[in-house]
C-alpha atoms as a PDB file:
ATOM      1  CA  MET A   1     -40.210  43.217  61.834  1.00  0.00           C
ATOM      2  CA  GLY A   2     -38.316  41.108  59.879  1.00  0.00           C
ATOM      3  CA  TRP A   3     -36.511  42.689  56.594  1.00  0.00           C
ATOM      4  CA  HIS A   4     -39.507  41.006  54.437  1.00  0.00           C
ATOM      5  CA  ALA A   5     -41.681  42.762  56.326  1.00  0.00           C
ATOM      6  CA  ARG A   6     -39.438  46.368  56.524  1.00  0.00           C
ATOM      7  CA  ALA A   7     -39.229  46.064  52.530  1.00  0.00           C
ATOM      8  CA  LEU A   8     -43.196  45.505  51.835  1.00  0.00           C
ATOM      9  CA  LEU A   9     -43.772  48.249  54.031  1.00  0.00           C
ATOM     10  CA  THR A  10     -41.516  50.613  51.980  1.00  0.00           C
ATOM     11  CA  GLY A  11     -42.882  49.271  48.909  1.00  0.00           C
ATOM     12  CA  LEU A  12     -46.818  49.686  49.825  1.00  0.00           C
ATOM     13  CA  CYS A  13     -45.900  53.324  51.380  1.00  0.00           C
ATOM     14  CA  LEU A  14     -44.255  54.109  48.118  1.00  0.00           C
ATOM     15  CA  LEU A  15     -47.182  52.978  45.905  1.00  0.00           C
ATOM     16  CA  VAL A  16     -49.229  54.940  47.994  1.00  0.00           C
ATOM     17  CA  ALA A  17     -47.067  57.979  47.199  1.00  0.00           C
ATOM     18  CA  LEU A  18     -46.965  57.673  44.028  1.00  0.00           C
ATOM     19  CA  ALA A  19     -51.261  57.496  43.716  1.00  0.00           C
ATOM     20  CA  GLY A  20     -51.303  61.034  43.248  1.00  0.00           C
ATOM     21  CA  CYS A  21     -48.350  61.056  40.527  1.00  0.00           C
ATOM     22  CA  SER A  22     -49.145  61.237  37.143  1.00  0.00           C
ATOM     23  CA  VAL A  23     -47.275  57.939  36.296  1.00  0.00           C
ATOM     24  CA  PHE A  24     -50.928  56.284  37.138  1.00  0.00           C
ATOM     25  CA  SER A  25     -52.890  59.353  35.552  1.00  0.00           C
ATOM     26  CA  GLU A  26     -53.447  59.014  32.163  1.00  0.00           C
ATOM     27  CA  ALA A  27     -50.534  58.624  29.743  1.00  0.00           C
ATOM     28  CA  PRO A  28     -50.181  61.463  27.274  1.00  0.00           C
ATOM     29  CA  SER A  29     -50.385  59.398  23.884  1.00  0.00           C
ATOM     30  CA  ASP A  30     -47.256  58.931  21.650  1.00  0.00           C
ATOM     31  CA  GLU A  31     -49.542  59.642  18.574  1.00  0.00           C
ATOM     32  CA  ALA A  32     -49.022  63.091  16.994  1.00  0.00           C
ATOM     33  CA  PRO A  33     -51.586  65.563  17.251  1.00  0.00           C
ATOM     34  CA  THR A  34     -54.432  64.903  14.820  1.00  0.00           C
ATOM     35  CA  TRP A  35     -53.704  66.752  11.720  1.00  0.00           C
ATOM     36  CA  ARG A  36     -56.082  68.875   9.938  1.00  0.00           C
ATOM     37  CA  GLU A  37     -56.189  70.260   6.703  1.00  0.00           C
ATOM     38  CA  ASP A  38     -57.031  73.729   5.592  1.00  0.00           C
ATOM     39  CA  ALA A  39     -59.911  73.838   2.709  1.00  0.00           C
ATOM     40  CA  PRO A  40     -57.951  74.478  -0.314  1.00  0.00           C
ATOM     41  CA  THR A  41     -58.958  76.988  -2.669  1.00  0.00           C
ATOM     42  CA  LEU A  42     -58.829  76.515  -6.121  1.00  0.00           C
ATOM     43  CA  PRO A  43     -56.300  78.430  -8.600  1.00  0.00           C
ATOM     44  CA  ALA A  44     -56.536  79.905 -11.368  1.00  0.00           C
ATOM     45  CA  TYR A  45     -56.380  77.759 -14.592  1.00  0.00           C
ATOM     46  CA  PRO A  46     -52.259  77.587 -15.655  1.00  0.00           C
ATOM     47  CA  GLU A  47     -51.332  80.254 -18.204  1.00  0.00           C
ATOM     48  CA  GLU A  48     -48.498  79.111 -20.334  1.00  0.00           C
ATOM     49  CA  ALA A  49     -45.903  81.995 -19.672  1.00  0.00           C
ATOM     50  CA  ASN A  50     -46.623  80.170 -15.991  1.00  0.00           C
ATOM     51  CA  LEU A  51     -45.354  76.727 -16.369  1.00  0.00           C
ATOM     52  CA  LEU A  52     -42.060  75.189 -15.828  1.00  0.00           C
ATOM     53  CA  GLU A  53     -40.664  72.291 -17.002  1.00  0.00           C
ATOM     54  CA  ILE A  54     -39.281  69.736 -14.598  1.00  0.00           C
ATOM     55  CA  ASP A  55     -37.181  66.589 -15.362  1.00  0.00           C
ATOM     56  CA  VAL A  56     -38.569  63.510 -13.081  1.00  0.00           C
ATOM     57  CA  GLY A  57     -35.735  61.764 -13.373  1.00  0.00           C
ATOM     58  CA  ARG A  58     -37.817  59.077 -15.297  1.00  0.00           C
ATOM     59  CA  PRO A  59     -36.017  58.453 -19.019  1.00  0.00           C
ATOM     60  CA  GLY A  60     -38.402  57.101 -21.565  1.00  0.00           C
ATOM     61  CA  ASP A  61     -40.913  58.765 -19.940  1.00  0.00           C
ATOM     62  CA  PRO A  62     -43.759  59.676 -22.750  1.00  0.00           C
ATOM     63  CA  TYR A  63     -44.758  62.449 -20.902  1.00  0.00           C
ATOM     64  CA  ARG A  64     -43.009  66.218 -20.253  1.00  0.00           C
ATOM     65  CA  TYR A  65     -43.920  67.867 -16.673  1.00  0.00           C
ATOM     66  CA  ARG A  66     -44.621  71.216 -15.866  1.00  0.00           C
ATOM     67  CA  ILE A  67     -45.365  73.288 -13.125  1.00  0.00           C
ATOM     68  CA  ASP A  68     -47.579  76.363 -12.665  1.00  0.00           C
ATOM     69  CA  THR A  69     -45.326  78.481 -10.446  1.00  0.00           C
ATOM     70  CA  ALA A  70     -48.325  80.555 -10.285  1.00  0.00           C
ATOM     71  CA  SER A  71     -49.831  78.113  -8.245  1.00  0.00           C
ATOM     72  CA  LEU A  72     -47.495  77.167  -5.727  1.00  0.00           C
ATOM     73  CA  SER A  73     -48.084  77.310  -2.733  1.00  0.00           C
ATOM     74  CA  LEU A  74     -47.864  76.146   1.065  1.00  0.00           C
ATOM     75  CA  ALA A  75     -50.643  75.811   3.133  1.00  0.00           C
ATOM     76  CA  ARG A  76     -50.256  76.616   7.248  1.00  0.00           C
ATOM     77  CA  ASP A  77     -51.472  72.676   7.174  1.00  0.00           C
ATOM     78  CA  GLY A  78     -48.058  71.666   5.922  1.00  0.00           C
ATOM     79  CA  VAL A  79     -49.665  70.876   2.124  1.00  0.00           C
ATOM     80  CA  THR A  80     -47.440  71.799  -0.834  1.00  0.00           C
ATOM     81  CA  ARG A  81     -49.994  72.430  -3.699  1.00  0.00           C
ATOM     82  CA  TYR A  82     -49.154  73.044  -7.449  1.00  0.00           C
ATOM     83  CA  THR A  83     -50.846  72.324 -10.631  1.00  0.00           C
ATOM     84  CA  ILE A  84     -48.858  69.712 -12.753  1.00  0.00           C
ATOM     85  CA  VAL A  85     -49.619  70.056 -16.487  1.00  0.00           C
ATOM     86  CA  LEU A  86     -48.491  66.295 -18.442  1.00  0.00           C
ATOM     87  CA  ALA A  87     -48.343  66.508 -21.610  1.00  0.00           C
ATOM     88  CA  SER A  88     -48.196  63.561 -24.010  1.00  0.00           C
ATOM     89  CA  GLY A  89     -46.008  63.252 -27.253  1.00  0.00           C
ATOM     90  CA  ASP A  90     -48.973  63.679 -29.702  1.00  0.00           C
ATOM     91  CA  GLY A  91     -50.066  66.464 -27.777  1.00  0.00           C
ATOM     92  CA  ALA A  92     -52.501  65.424 -24.986  1.00  0.00           C
ATOM     93  CA  ARG A  93     -52.724  67.555 -21.632  1.00  0.00           C
ATOM     94  CA  ASN A  94     -53.451  66.718 -18.597  1.00  0.00           C
ATOM     95  CA  VAL A  95     -53.906  69.239 -15.818  1.00  0.00           C
ATOM     96  CA  ARG A  96     -54.112  68.312 -12.097  1.00  0.00           C
ATOM     97  CA  TYR A  97     -54.064  70.666  -9.346  1.00  0.00           C
ATOM     98  CA  GLU A  98     -52.240  68.247  -5.975  1.00  0.00           C
ATOM     99  CA  GLY A  99     -50.893  68.415  -2.462  1.00  0.00           C
ATOM    100  CA  ILE A 100     -48.557  66.469  -1.009  1.00  0.00           C
ATOM    101  CA  ARG A 101     -47.975  66.250   2.366  1.00  0.00           C
ATOM    102  CA  CYS A 102     -44.125  65.760   3.202  1.00  0.00           C
ATOM    103  CA  GLN A 103     -43.919  64.607   6.516  1.00  0.00           C
ATOM    104  CA  ALA A 104     -46.843  61.667   5.929  1.00  0.00           C
ATOM    105  CA  ASN A 105     -45.193  60.682   2.322  1.00  0.00           C
ATOM    106  CA  VAL A 106     -48.790  61.254   0.818  1.00  0.00           C
ATOM    107  CA  ALA A 107     -50.186  62.708  -1.878  1.00  0.00           C
ATOM    108  CA  ARG A 108     -53.268  63.635  -3.334  1.00  0.00           C
ATOM    109  CA  SER A 109     -55.655  65.819  -6.301  1.00  0.00           C
ATOM    110  CA  TYR A 110     -57.877  68.186  -6.063  1.00  0.00           C
ATOM    111  CA  ALA A 111     -59.309  69.291  -9.111  1.00  0.00           C
ATOM    112  CA  TYR A 112     -58.495  68.362 -13.144  1.00  0.00           C
ATOM    113  CA  GLY A 113     -58.384  70.478 -15.759  1.00  0.00           C
ATOM    114  CA  THR A 114     -61.117  70.395 -18.698  1.00  0.00           C
ATOM    115  CA  SER A 115     -61.025  72.047 -22.136  1.00  0.00           C
ATOM    116  CA  ALA A 116     -62.930  74.378 -21.191  1.00  0.00           C
ATOM    117  CA  ARG A 117     -59.951  75.928 -19.427  1.00  0.00           C
ATOM    118  CA  ILE A 118     -61.312  75.320 -15.647  1.00  0.00           C
ATOM    119  CA  LEU A 119     -60.243  73.331 -12.890  1.00  0.00           C
ATOM    120  CA  ARG A 120     -63.308  70.841 -11.421  1.00  0.00           C
ATOM    121  CA  PRO A 121     -62.869  69.970  -8.058  1.00  0.00           C
ATOM    122  CA  ILE A 122     -62.209  65.897  -7.286  1.00  0.00           C
ATOM    123  CA  PRO A 123     -64.136  65.739  -4.384  1.00  0.00           C
ATOM    124  CA  THR A 124     -63.767  62.015  -3.457  1.00  0.00           C
ATOM    125  CA  GLU A 125     -59.862  61.385  -3.510  1.00  0.00           C
ATOM    126  CA  GLU A 126     -58.465  60.336  -0.343  1.00  0.00           C
ATOM    127  CA  TRP A 127     -54.506  60.761   0.654  1.00  0.00           C
ATOM    128  CA  ALA A 128     -52.516  58.255  -0.972  1.00  0.00           C
ATOM    129  CA  LEU A 129     -48.737  57.053  -0.140  1.00  0.00           C
ATOM    130  CA  ILE A 130     -46.501  58.024  -2.899  1.00  0.00           C
ATOM    131  CA  ARG A 131     -44.689  55.500  -4.874  1.00  0.00           C
ATOM    132  CA  GLN A 132     -41.453  55.707  -7.058  1.00  0.00           C
ATOM    133  CA  ASP A 133     -43.634  53.620  -9.471  1.00  0.00           C
ATOM    134  CA  GLY A 134     -46.852  53.401 -11.159  1.00  0.00           C
ATOM    135  CA  PRO A 135     -48.278  56.301 -12.821  1.00  0.00           C
ATOM    136  CA  TYR A 136     -47.949  59.047 -10.066  1.00  0.00           C
ATOM    137  CA  ALA A 137     -44.287  58.219  -9.674  1.00  0.00           C
ATOM    138  CA  TYR A 138     -43.755  61.863 -10.849  1.00  0.00           C
ATOM    139  CA  ARG A 139     -44.733  62.934  -7.216  1.00  0.00           C
ATOM    140  CA  TYR A 140     -42.089  60.892  -5.795  1.00  0.00           C
ATOM    141  CA  HIS A 141     -39.773  63.251  -8.043  1.00  0.00           C
ATOM    142  CA  LEU A 142     -41.317  66.081  -6.630  1.00  0.00           C
ATOM    143  CA  ALA A 143     -41.323  65.185  -3.025  1.00  0.00           C
ATOM    144  CA  ARG A 144     -37.908  63.979  -2.785  1.00  0.00           C
ATOM    145  CA  GLY A 145     -36.351  66.413  -5.558  1.00  0.00           C
ATOM    146  CA  TYR A 146     -38.161  69.735  -5.112  1.00  0.00           C
ATOM    147  CA  LEU A 147     -40.716  70.111  -2.605  1.00  0.00           C
ATOM    148  CA  CYS A 148     -39.431  67.965   0.139  1.00  0.00           C
ATOM    149  CA  THR A 149     -36.408  67.716   2.710  1.00  0.00           C
ATOM    150  CA  VAL A 150     -34.261  65.118   3.342  1.00  0.00           C
ATOM    151  CA  ARG A 151     -35.667  64.991   6.720  1.00  0.00           C
ATOM    152  CA  SER A 152     -39.667  64.598   5.064  1.00  0.00           C
ATOM    153  CA  LEU A 153     -40.616  68.779   6.015  1.00  0.00           C
ATOM    154  CA  PRO A 154     -41.850  70.658   2.796  1.00  0.00           C
ATOM    155  CA  PHE A 155     -39.765  73.530   1.708  1.00  0.00           C
ATOM    156  CA  ASP A 156     -41.329  77.022   1.844  1.00  0.00           C
ATOM    157  CA  ARG A 157     -42.341  78.271  -1.132  1.00  0.00           C
ATOM    158  CA  PRO A 158     -39.710  81.133  -2.322  1.00  0.00           C
ATOM    159  CA  THR A 159     -37.013  77.692  -2.512  1.00  0.00           C
ATOM    160  CA  ALA A 160     -38.898  75.390  -4.160  1.00  0.00           C
ATOM    161  CA  LEU A 161     -39.237  77.711  -6.811  1.00  0.00           C
ATOM    162  CA  ARG A 162     -35.416  78.209  -7.045  1.00  0.00           C
ATOM    163  CA  ARG A 163     -35.456  73.895  -7.157  1.00  0.00           C
ATOM    164  CA  LEU A 164     -37.593  74.207  -9.699  1.00  0.00           C
ATOM    165  CA  GLU A 165     -35.951  76.679 -11.860  1.00  0.00           C
ATOM    166  CA  MET A 166     -32.801  74.418 -11.082  1.00  0.00           C
ATOM    167  CA  ARG A 167     -34.513  71.289 -12.797  1.00  0.00           C
ATOM    168  CA  VAL A 168     -33.114  68.852 -11.247  1.00  0.00           C
ATOM    169  CA  PRO A 169     -31.438  70.360  -7.688  1.00  0.00           C
ATOM    170  CA  PRO A 170     -27.948  69.214  -6.624  1.00  0.00           C
ATOM    171  CA  GLY A 171     -27.589  66.193  -5.051  1.00  0.00           C
ATOM    172  CA  PHE A 172     -30.872  64.571  -6.546  1.00  0.00           C
ATOM    173  CA  SER A 173     -30.250  61.855  -9.252  1.00  0.00           C
ATOM    174  CA  GLY A 174     -33.773  60.271 -10.377  1.00  0.00           C
ATOM    175  CA  ALA A 175     -34.475  57.581  -8.962  1.00  0.00           C
ATOM    176  CA  GLU A 176     -31.706  57.122  -6.354  1.00  0.00           C
ATOM    177  CA  GLY A 177     -32.930  60.013  -4.718  1.00  0.00           C
ATOM    178  CA  TYR A 178     -30.918  62.584  -2.433  1.00  0.00           C
ATOM    179  CA  GLN A 179     -26.800  61.410  -2.515  1.00  0.00           C
END
């Protein structure tokens, strides 16, 4: 038998030997396991005493941004949830209960505040990419400066609270992000 035949026979034997190996079985997926969101529980309407004003790095912004520290939580599903109060110079208020998924760089609203001081669920809002511009740009600054690590992991509640209390976290300078 010539060397070509021996090489072909060796190759065939190798294929037969490998046939039972995992190389030819169903390969594991490169996709992350399917993420499932925990059903959020709406917090109480925010009390003035629990509102902490934060800097979202937007000079000239007509709104003041305040986080309800009593509602801040990090759930088992990895979502950091909080109530934010946006107040304009003329006294108008917008109250929203929201969540940020640091690892996916997305956010959504769960509820809005009413004049009767209750939170009403928003059942149809989907997760949306966190953007640096537009009406929800404050989410970008919340995520980058206060709630998420540089590696896109959520800070635990005590760390996030400390960062919020500092108003402008170390190494964060508005739109430039971490330095």
